[in-house]
PDB file of N, CA and C in Angstrom:
ATOM      1  N   MET A   1     111.307  88.602 108.858  1.00  0.00           N
ATOM      2  CA  MET A   1     110.104  88.079 109.460  1.00  0.00           C
ATOM      3  C   MET A   1     110.058  88.535 110.917  1.00  0.00           C
ATOM      4  N   GLN A   2     108.880  89.012 111.323  1.00  0.00           N
ATOM      5  CA  GLN A   2     108.690  89.446 112.698  1.00  0.00           C
ATOM      6  C   GLN A   2     108.098  88.313 113.527  1.00  0.00           C
ATOM      7  N   ILE A   3     108.616  88.139 114.710  1.00  0.00           N
ATOM      8  CA  ILE A   3     108.102  87.114 115.614  1.00  0.00           C
ATOM      9  C   ILE A   3     107.168  87.786 116.609  1.00  0.00           C
ATOM     10  N   ILE A   4     105.951  87.246 116.716  1.00  0.00           N
ATOM     11  CA  ILE A   4     104.976  87.802 117.646  1.00  0.00           C
ATOM     12  C   ILE A   4     104.276  86.673 118.395  1.00  0.00           C
ATOM     13  N   THR A   5     103.644  87.038 119.493  1.00  0.00           N
ATOM     14  CA  THR A   5     102.887  86.055 120.270  1.00  0.00           C
ATOM     15  C   THR A   5     101.446  86.001 119.772  1.00  0.00           C
ATOM     16  N   ARG A   6     100.757  84.970 120.183  1.00  0.00           N
ATOM     17  CA  ARG A   6      99.393  84.722 119.706  1.00  0.00           C
ATOM     18  C   ARG A   6      98.439  85.886 119.977  1.00  0.00           C
ATOM     19  N   ASP A   7      98.602  86.578 121.089  1.00  0.00           N
ATOM     20  CA  ASP A   7      97.657  87.650 121.419  1.00  0.00           C
ATOM     21  C   ASP A   7      98.110  89.039 120.989  1.00  0.00           C
ATOM     22  N   GLU A   8      99.295  89.136 120.378  1.00  0.00           N
ATOM     23  CA  GLU A   8      99.744  90.426 119.849  1.00  0.00           C
ATOM     24  C   GLU A   8      98.942  90.780 118.602  1.00  0.00           C
ATOM     25  N   LYS A   9      98.680  92.061 118.465  1.00  0.00           N
ATOM     26  CA  LYS A   9      97.931  92.520 117.299  1.00  0.00           C
ATOM     27  C   LYS A   9      98.854  93.237 116.329  1.00  0.00           C
ATOM     28  N   ILE A  10      98.502  93.110 115.073  1.00  0.00           N
ATOM     29  CA  ILE A  10      99.230  93.811 114.023  1.00  0.00           C
ATOM     30  C   ILE A  10      98.269  94.787 113.350  1.00  0.00           C
ATOM     31  N   THR A  11      98.822  95.820 112.770  1.00  0.00           N
ATOM     32  CA  THR A  11      98.007  96.827 112.094  1.00  0.00           C
ATOM     33  C   THR A  11      97.879  96.459 110.626  1.00  0.00           C
ATOM     34  N   ILE A  12      96.654  96.400 110.178  1.00  0.00           N
ATOM     35  CA  ILE A  12      96.347  96.077 108.782  1.00  0.00           C
ATOM     36  C   ILE A  12      95.685  97.301 108.147  1.00  0.00           C
ATOM     37  N   LYS A  13      96.212  97.719 107.000  1.00  0.00           N
ATOM     38  CA  LYS A  13      95.584  98.798 106.238  1.00  0.00           C
ATOM     39  C   LYS A  13      94.691  98.188 105.171  1.00  0.00           C
ATOM     40  N   LEU A  14      93.485  98.691 105.100  1.00  0.00           N
ATOM     41  CA  LEU A  14      92.530  98.276 104.073  1.00  0.00           C
ATOM     42  C   LEU A  14      91.945  99.516 103.422  1.00  0.00           C
ATOM     43  N   SER A  15      91.681  99.433 102.142  1.00  0.00           N
ATOM     44  CA  SER A  15      90.908 100.507 101.534  1.00  0.00           C
ATOM     45  C   SER A  15      89.463 100.337 102.005  1.00  0.00           C
ATOM     46  N   GLU A  16      88.700 101.394 101.911  1.00  0.00           N
ATOM     47  CA  GLU A  16      87.291 101.278 102.283  1.00  0.00           C
ATOM     48  C   GLU A  16      86.596 100.271 101.373  1.00  0.00           C
ATOM     49  N   PHE A  17      87.018 100.200 100.127  1.00  0.00           N
ATOM     50  CA  PHE A  17      86.460  99.228  99.187  1.00  0.00           C
ATOM     51  C   PHE A  17      86.751  97.798  99.641  1.00  0.00           C
ATOM     52  N   GLU A  18      87.993  97.546 100.082  1.00  0.00           N
ATOM     53  CA  GLU A  18      88.354  96.206 100.565  1.00  0.00           C
ATOM     54  C   GLU A  18      87.548  95.843 101.811  1.00  0.00           C
ATOM     55  N   ARG A  19      87.406  96.819 102.713  1.00  0.00           N
ATOM     56  CA  ARG A  19      86.587  96.575 103.908  1.00  0.00           C
ATOM     57  C   ARG A  19      85.170  96.189 103.509  1.00  0.00           C
ATOM     58  N   ASP A  20      84.600  96.929 102.567  1.00  0.00           N
ATOM     59  CA  ASP A  20      83.237  96.649 102.127  1.00  0.00           C
ATOM     60  C   ASP A  20      83.125  95.282 101.453  1.00  0.00           C
ATOM     61  N   LEU A  21      84.161  94.876 100.721  1.00  0.00           N
ATOM     62  CA  LEU A  21      84.170  93.532 100.122  1.00  0.00           C
ATOM     63  C   LEU A  21      84.028  92.465 101.210  1.00  0.00           C
ATOM     64  N   ILE A  22      84.791  92.624 102.276  1.00  0.00           N
ATOM     65  CA  ILE A  22      84.749  91.647 103.368  1.00  0.00           C
ATOM     66  C   ILE A  22      83.372  91.647 104.018  1.00  0.00           C
ATOM     67  N   ILE A  23      82.866  92.831 104.323  1.00  0.00           N
ATOM     68  CA  ILE A  23      81.576  92.936 105.019  1.00  0.00           C
ATOM     69  C   ILE A  23      80.431  92.428 104.152  1.00  0.00           C
ATOM     70  N   GLU A  24      80.419  92.804 102.890  1.00  0.00           N
ATOM     71  CA  GLU A  24      79.269  92.532 102.024  1.00  0.00           C
ATOM     72  C   GLU A  24      79.329  91.193 101.292  1.00  0.00           C
ATOM     73  N   HIS A  25      80.522  90.616 101.137  1.00  0.00           N
ATOM     74  CA  HIS A  25      80.630  89.430 100.287  1.00  0.00           C
ATOM     75  C   HIS A  25      81.251  88.214 100.963  1.00  0.00           C
ATOM     76  N   THR A  26      81.416  88.270 102.278  1.00  0.00           N
ATOM     77  CA  THR A  26      81.856  87.082 103.008  1.00  0.00           C
ATOM     78  C   THR A  26      80.890  86.847 104.156  1.00  0.00           C
ATOM     79  N   PHE A  27      81.012  85.709 104.786  1.00  0.00           N
ATOM     80  CA  PHE A  27      80.146  85.374 105.915  1.00  0.00           C
ATOM     81  C   PHE A  27      80.910  85.483 107.228  1.00  0.00           C
ATOM     82  N   VAL A  28      81.792  86.484 107.306  1.00  0.00           N
ATOM     83  CA  VAL A  28      82.582  86.695 108.500  1.00  0.00           C
ATOM     84  C   VAL A  28      81.647  87.064 109.663  1.00  0.00           C
ATOM     85  N   GLU A  29      82.025  86.642 110.869  1.00  0.00           N
ATOM     86  CA  GLU A  29      81.188  86.853 112.041  1.00  0.00           C
ATOM     87  C   GLU A  29      81.027  88.332 112.376  1.00  0.00           C
ATOM     88  N   GLN A  30      79.973  88.619 113.118  1.00  0.00           N
ATOM     89  CA  GLN A  30      79.622  89.992 113.472  1.00  0.00           C
ATOM     90  C   GLN A  30      80.744  90.711 114.209  1.00  0.00           C
ATOM     91  N   GLU A  31      81.494  90.008 115.049  1.00  0.00           N
ATOM     92  CA  GLU A  31      82.564  90.693 115.800  1.00  0.00           C
ATOM     93  C   GLU A  31      83.599  91.312 114.855  1.00  0.00           C
ATOM     94  N   TYR A  32      83.866  90.648 113.732  1.00  0.00           N
ATOM     95  CA  TYR A  32      84.810  91.196 112.757  1.00  0.00           C
ATOM     96  C   TYR A  32      84.174  92.313 111.942  1.00  0.00           C
ATOM     97  N   ILE A  33      82.911  92.177 111.656  1.00  0.00           N
ATOM     98  CA  ILE A  33      82.198  93.259 110.972  1.00  0.00           C
ATOM     99  C   ILE A  33      82.243  94.514 111.834  1.00  0.00           C
ATOM    100  N   ASP A  34      82.016  94.349 113.141  1.00  0.00           N
ATOM    101  CA  ASP A  34      82.069  95.497 114.047  1.00  0.00           C
ATOM    102  C   ASP A  34      83.438  96.153 114.034  1.00  0.00           C
ATOM    103  N   ILE A  35      84.487  95.349 114.089  1.00  0.00           N
ATOM    104  CA  ILE A  35      85.857  95.887 114.054  1.00  0.00           C
ATOM    105  C   ILE A  35      86.079  96.680 112.767  1.00  0.00           C
ATOM    106  N   LEU A  36      85.653  96.120 111.648  1.00  0.00           N
ATOM    107  CA  LEU A  36      85.851  96.778 110.354  1.00  0.00           C
ATOM    108  C   LEU A  36      85.019  98.050 110.232  1.00  0.00           C
ATOM    109  N   GLU A  37      83.788  98.010 110.732  1.00  0.00           N
ATOM    110  CA  GLU A  37      82.921  99.182 110.628  1.00  0.00           C
ATOM    111  C   GLU A  37      83.349 100.302 111.571  1.00  0.00           C
ATOM    112  N   GLU A  38      83.950  99.952 112.693  1.00  0.00           N
ATOM    113  CA  GLU A  38      84.359 100.957 113.667  1.00  0.00           C
ATOM    114  C   GLU A  38      85.703 101.598 113.333  1.00  0.00           C
ATOM    115  N   ALA A  39      86.419 101.034 112.383  1.00  0.00           N
ATOM    116  CA  ALA A  39      87.714 101.597 111.990  1.00  0.00           C
ATOM    117  C   ALA A  39      87.504 102.996 111.412  1.00  0.00           C
ATOM    118  N   ILE A  40      88.360 103.898 111.829  1.00  0.00           N
ATOM    119  CA  ILE A  40      88.238 105.286 111.389  1.00  0.00           C
ATOM    120  C   ILE A  40      88.919 105.458 110.034  1.00  0.00           C
ATOM    121  N   PRO A  41      88.158 105.912 109.045  1.00  0.00           N
ATOM    122  CA  PRO A  41      88.760 106.124 107.725  1.00  0.00           C
ATOM    123  C   PRO A  41      89.794 107.250 107.751  1.00  0.00           C
ATOM    124  N   ARG A  42      90.899 107.019 107.100  1.00  0.00           N
ATOM    125  CA  ARG A  42      91.924 108.040 106.884  1.00  0.00           C
ATOM    126  C   ARG A  42      91.805 108.441 105.412  1.00  0.00           C
ATOM    127  N   THR A  43      92.824 108.995 104.883  1.00  0.00           N
ATOM    128  CA  THR A  43      92.793 109.381 103.478  1.00  0.00           C
ATOM    129  C   THR A  43      92.899 108.138 102.609  1.00  0.00           C
ATOM    130  N   GLY A  44      91.769 107.602 102.202  1.00  0.00           N
ATOM    131  CA  GLY A  44      91.749 106.471 101.283  1.00  0.00           C
ATOM    132  C   GLY A  44      91.916 105.100 101.899  1.00  0.00           C
ATOM    133  N   TYR A  45      92.068 104.998 103.220  1.00  0.00           N
ATOM    134  CA  TYR A  45      92.211 103.676 103.825  1.00  0.00           C
ATOM    135  C   TYR A  45      91.739 103.701 105.274  1.00  0.00           C
ATOM    136  N   ILE A  46      91.583 102.516 105.838  1.00  0.00           N
ATOM    137  CA  ILE A  46      91.301 102.363 107.254  1.00  0.00           C
ATOM    138  C   ILE A  46      92.384 101.471 107.842  1.00  0.00           C
ATOM    139  N   THR A  47      92.565 101.531 109.138  1.00  0.00           N
ATOM    140  CA  THR A  47      93.478 100.604 109.796  1.00  0.00           C
ATOM    141  C   THR A  47      92.706  99.829 110.849  1.00  0.00           C
ATOM    142  N   VAL A  48      93.011  98.546 110.949  1.00  0.00           N
ATOM    143  CA  VAL A  48      92.413  97.691 111.967  1.00  0.00           C
ATOM    144  C   VAL A  48      93.531  96.935 112.674  1.00  0.00           C
ATOM    145  N   GLU A  49      93.306  96.647 113.929  1.00  0.00           N
ATOM    146  CA  GLU A  49      94.252  95.884 114.730  1.00  0.00           C
ATOM    147  C   GLU A  49      93.708  94.467 114.862  1.00  0.00           C
ATOM    148  N   LEU A  50      94.471  93.484 114.393  1.00  0.00           N
ATOM    149  CA  LEU A  50      94.049  92.088 114.422  1.00  0.00           C
ATOM    150  C   LEU A  50      95.189  91.201 114.902  1.00  0.00           C
ATOM    151  N   THR A  51      94.835  90.102 115.551  1.00  0.00           N
ATOM    152  CA  THR A  51      95.835  89.080 115.831  1.00  0.00           C
ATOM    153  C   THR A  51      96.031  88.278 114.547  1.00  0.00           C
ATOM    154  N   LEU A  52      97.085  87.486 114.489  1.00  0.00           N
ATOM    155  CA  LEU A  52      97.286  86.628 113.313  1.00  0.00           C
ATOM    156  C   LEU A  52      96.162  85.610 113.194  1.00  0.00           C
ATOM    157  N   ASP A  53      95.650  85.121 114.328  1.00  0.00           N
ATOM    158  CA  ASP A  53      94.517  84.198 114.277  1.00  0.00           C
ATOM    159  C   ASP A  53      93.293  84.873 113.662  1.00  0.00           C
ATOM    160  N   ASP A  54      93.047  86.137 114.050  1.00  0.00           N
ATOM    161  CA  ASP A  54      91.932  86.887 113.467  1.00  0.00           C
ATOM    162  C   ASP A  54      92.118  87.045 111.960  1.00  0.00           C
ATOM    163  N   LEU A  55      93.324  87.426 111.568  1.00  0.00           N
ATOM    164  CA  LEU A  55      93.611  87.613 110.149  1.00  0.00           C
ATOM    165  C   LEU A  55      93.432  86.306 109.385  1.00  0.00           C
ATOM    166  N   ASP A  56      93.925  85.216 109.946  1.00  0.00           N
ATOM    167  CA  ASP A  56      93.790  83.911 109.302  1.00  0.00           C
ATOM    168  C   ASP A  56      92.323  83.522 109.154  1.00  0.00           C
ATOM    169  N   PHE A  57      91.534  83.812 110.164  1.00  0.00           N
ATOM    170  CA  PHE A  57      90.106  83.512 110.133  1.00  0.00           C
ATOM    171  C   PHE A  57      89.421  84.292 109.008  1.00  0.00           C
ATOM    172  N   ILE A  58      89.717  85.584 108.923  1.00  0.00           N
ATOM    173  CA  ILE A  58      89.143  86.418 107.867  1.00  0.00           C
ATOM    174  C   ILE A  58      89.600  85.933 106.494  1.00  0.00           C
ATOM    175  N   LEU A  59      90.875  85.555 106.378  1.00  0.00           N
ATOM    176  CA  LEU A  59      91.385  85.028 105.108  1.00  0.00           C
ATOM    177  C   LEU A  59      90.620  83.784 104.676  1.00  0.00           C
ATOM    178  N   GLY A  60      90.283  82.936 105.628  1.00  0.00           N
ATOM    179  CA  GLY A  60      89.497  81.744 105.301  1.00  0.00           C
ATOM    180  C   GLY A  60      88.148  82.097 104.702  1.00  0.00           C
ATOM    181  N   HIS A  61      87.514  83.115 105.253  1.00  0.00           N
ATOM    182  CA  HIS A  61      86.214  83.554 104.728  1.00  0.00           C
ATOM    183  C   HIS A  61      86.354  84.182 103.346  1.00  0.00           C
ATOM    184  N   ILE A  62      87.417  84.937 103.148  1.00  0.00           N
ATOM    185  CA  ILE A  62      87.642  85.547 101.833  1.00  0.00           C
ATOM    186  C   ILE A  62      87.873  84.451 100.787  1.00  0.00           C
ATOM    187  N   ALA A  63      88.692  83.457 101.118  1.00  0.00           N
ATOM    188  CA  ALA A  63      88.978  82.358 100.185  1.00  0.00           C
ATOM    189  C   ALA A  63      87.708  81.584  99.854  1.00  0.00           C
ATOM    190  N   PHE A  64      86.920  81.275 100.871  1.00  0.00           N
ATOM    191  CA  PHE A  64      85.670  80.540 100.645  1.00  0.00           C
ATOM    192  C   PHE A  64      84.753  81.327  99.711  1.00  0.00           C
ATOM    193  N   SER A  65      84.609  82.621  99.981  1.00  0.00           N
ATOM    194  CA  SER A  65      83.722  83.450  99.162  1.00  0.00           C
ATOM    195  C   SER A  65      84.239  83.582  97.737  1.00  0.00           C
ATOM    196  N   ALA A  66      85.550  83.685  97.578  1.00  0.00           N
ATOM    197  CA  ALA A  66      86.124  83.767  96.227  1.00  0.00           C
ATOM    198  C   ALA A  66      85.870  82.470  95.467  1.00  0.00           C
ATOM    199  N   ASN A  67      86.050  81.343  96.141  1.00  0.00           N
ATOM    200  CA  ASN A  67      85.866  80.045  95.492  1.00  0.00           C
ATOM    201  C   ASN A  67      84.418  79.765  95.116  1.00  0.00           C
ATOM    202  N   HIS A  68      83.478  80.441  95.780  1.00  0.00           N
ATOM    203  CA  HIS A  68      82.063  80.209  95.511  1.00  0.00           C
ATOM    204  C   HIS A  68      81.366  81.400  94.852  1.00  0.00           C
ATOM    205  N   ALA A  69      82.149  82.384  94.426  1.00  0.00           N
ATOM    206  CA  ALA A  69      81.576  83.565  93.778  1.00  0.00           C
ATOM    207  C   ALA A  69      81.022  83.188  92.413  1.00  0.00           C
ATOM    208  N   GLU A  70      79.842  83.689  92.124  1.00  0.00           N
ATOM    209  CA  GLU A  70      79.227  83.408  90.831  1.00  0.00           C
ATOM    210  C   GLU A  70      79.705  84.377  89.755  1.00  0.00           C
ATOM    211  N   GLU A  71      80.179  85.528  90.172  1.00  0.00           N
ATOM    212  CA  GLU A  71      80.655  86.534  89.227  1.00  0.00           C
ATOM    213  C   GLU A  71      82.179  86.512  89.180  1.00  0.00           C
ATOM    214  N   ARG A  72      82.735  86.474  87.988  1.00  0.00           N
ATOM    215  CA  ARG A  72      84.189  86.449  87.801  1.00  0.00           C
ATOM    216  C   ARG A  72      84.866  87.681  88.401  1.00  0.00           C
ATOM    217  N   ASP A  73      84.234  88.853  88.225  1.00  0.00           N
ATOM    218  CA  ASP A  73      84.836  90.086  88.742  1.00  0.00           C
ATOM    219  C   ASP A  73      84.952  90.041  90.263  1.00  0.00           C
ATOM    220  N   LEU A  74      83.906  89.573  90.928  1.00  0.00           N
ATOM    221  CA  LEU A  74      83.935  89.458  92.388  1.00  0.00           C
ATOM    222  C   LEU A  74      84.984  88.444  92.817  1.00  0.00           C
ATOM    223  N   GLU A  75      85.048  87.330  92.135  1.00  0.00           N
ATOM    224  CA  GLU A  75      86.059  86.315  92.441  1.00  0.00           C
ATOM    225  C   GLU A  75      87.464  86.904  92.336  1.00  0.00           C
ATOM    226  N   SER A  76      87.708  87.656  91.287  1.00  0.00           N
ATOM    227  CA  SER A  76      89.019  88.270  91.071  1.00  0.00           C
ATOM    228  C   SER A  76      89.349  89.275  92.169  1.00  0.00           C
ATOM    229  N   LEU A  77      88.390  90.103  92.545  1.00  0.00           N
ATOM    230  CA  LEU A  77      88.615  91.090  93.606  1.00  0.00           C
ATOM    231  C   LEU A  77      88.927  90.412  94.935  1.00  0.00           C
ATOM    232  N   LEU A  78      88.180  89.371  95.259  1.00  0.00           N
ATOM    233  CA  LEU A  78      88.417  88.640  96.497  1.00  0.00           C
ATOM    234  C   LEU A  78      89.759  87.915  96.467  1.00  0.00           C
ATOM    235  N   ASP A  79      90.102  87.337  95.330  1.00  0.00           N
ATOM    236  CA  ASP A  79      91.408  86.679  95.187  1.00  0.00           C
ATOM    237  C   ASP A  79      92.552  87.663  95.398  1.00  0.00           C
ATOM    238  N   ASP A  80      92.423  88.856  94.812  1.00  0.00           N
ATOM    239  CA  ASP A  80      93.457  89.878  94.965  1.00  0.00           C
ATOM    240  C   ASP A  80      93.597  90.305  96.429  1.00  0.00           C
ATOM    241  N   LEU A  81      92.470  90.477  97.102  1.00  0.00           N
ATOM    242  CA  LEU A  81      92.494  90.854  98.510  1.00  0.00           C
ATOM    243  C   LEU A  81      93.115  89.743  99.344  1.00  0.00           C
ATOM    244  N   TYR A  82      92.747  88.505  99.045  1.00  0.00           N
ATOM    245  CA  TYR A  82      93.324  87.359  99.747  1.00  0.00           C
ATOM    246  C   TYR A  82      94.843  87.337  99.581  1.00  0.00           C
ATOM    247  N   ASP A  83      95.304  87.512  98.360  1.00  0.00           N
ATOM    248  CA  ASP A  83      96.750  87.494  98.093  1.00  0.00           C
ATOM    249  C   ASP A  83      97.471  88.591  98.871  1.00  0.00           C
ATOM    250  N   ARG A  84      96.912  89.776  98.884  1.00  0.00           N
ATOM    251  CA  ARG A  84      97.550  90.900  99.578  1.00  0.00           C
ATOM    252  C   ARG A  84      97.612  90.655 101.085  1.00  0.00           C
ATOM    253  N   LEU A  85      96.501  90.203 101.665  1.00  0.00           N
ATOM    254  CA  LEU A  85      96.482  89.965 103.111  1.00  0.00           C
ATOM    255  C   LEU A  85      97.321  88.751 103.498  1.00  0.00           C
ATOM    256  N   SER A  86      97.381  87.751 102.634  1.00  0.00           N
ATOM    257  CA  SER A  86      98.239  86.588 102.886  1.00  0.00           C
ATOM    258  C   SER A  86      99.705  86.981 102.919  1.00  0.00           C
ATOM    259  N   GLU A  87     100.062  87.910 102.061  1.00  0.00           N
ATOM    260  CA  GLU A  87     101.440  88.392 102.040  1.00  0.00           C
ATOM    261  C   GLU A  87     101.782  89.087 103.362  1.00  0.00           C
ATOM    262  N   ILE A  88     100.853  89.866 103.883  1.00  0.00           N
ATOM    263  CA  ILE A  88     101.058  90.505 105.187  1.00  0.00           C
ATOM    264  C   ILE A  88     101.196  89.439 106.268  1.00  0.00           C
ATOM    265  N   GLU A  89     100.320  88.453 106.237  1.00  0.00           N
ATOM    266  CA  GLU A  89     100.353  87.376 107.236  1.00  0.00           C
ATOM    267  C   GLU A  89     101.695  86.649 107.216  1.00  0.00           C
ATOM    268  N   SER A  90     102.264  86.449 106.035  1.00  0.00           N
ATOM    269  CA  SER A  90     103.514  85.707 105.900  1.00  0.00           C
ATOM    270  C   SER A  90     104.724  86.467 106.452  1.00  0.00           C
ATOM    271  N   GLU A  91     104.549  87.737 106.760  1.00  0.00           N
ATOM    272  CA  GLU A  91     105.631  88.534 107.314  1.00  0.00           C
ATOM    273  C   GLU A  91     105.825  88.279 108.814  1.00  0.00           C
ATOM    274  N   TYR A  92     104.930  87.504 109.404  1.00  0.00           N
ATOM    275  CA  TYR A  92     104.956  87.273 110.845  1.00  0.00           C
ATOM    276  C   TYR A  92     105.053  85.787 111.155  1.00  0.00           C
ATOM    277  N   GLU A  93     105.669  85.497 112.289  1.00  0.00           N
ATOM    278  CA  GLU A  93     105.748  84.122 112.774  1.00  0.00           C
ATOM    279  C   GLU A  93     105.298  84.098 114.231  1.00  0.00           C
ATOM    280  N   LEU A  94     104.393  83.178 114.534  1.00  0.00           N
ATOM    281  CA  LEU A  94     103.886  83.042 115.894  1.00  0.00           C
ATOM    282  C   LEU A  94     104.848  82.218 116.738  1.00  0.00           C
ATOM    283  N   VAL A  95     105.026  82.663 117.971  1.00  0.00           N
ATOM    284  CA  VAL A  95     105.781  81.876 118.945  1.00  0.00           C
ATOM    285  C   VAL A  95     104.917  81.723 120.190  1.00  0.00           C
ATOM    286  N   ASP A  96     105.064  80.604 120.857  1.00  0.00           N
ATOM    287  CA  ASP A  96     104.348  80.406 122.107  1.00  0.00           C
ATOM    288  C   ASP A  96     105.132  81.078 123.213  1.00  0.00           C
ATOM    289  N   GLU A  97     104.417  81.675 124.107  1.00  0.00           N
ATOM    290  CA  GLU A  97     105.084  82.395 125.211  1.00  0.00           C
ATOM    291  C   GLU A  97     105.637  81.428 126.217  1.00  0.00           C
TER     292      GLU A  97
END
């Protein structure tokens, strides 16, 4: 487990499909949409720099959208994304400076 401070950012890899899921199927705020849209695509993925608080906030939106999805396929995709990002989040521990 890595110990980081509240304002430290971690690098998150997302597929372009995962990014689009967040943008198109959650009610995440515009500042996060901007971060996701401005990420430069690499071969099959994008990278974004987020604090753990940012990641936790986005995870909350993904969970809410999955729980309220009317389509089973969308719910499953959001659940899978939530699980993957939660696993990344669990690799870090916040410490107060």
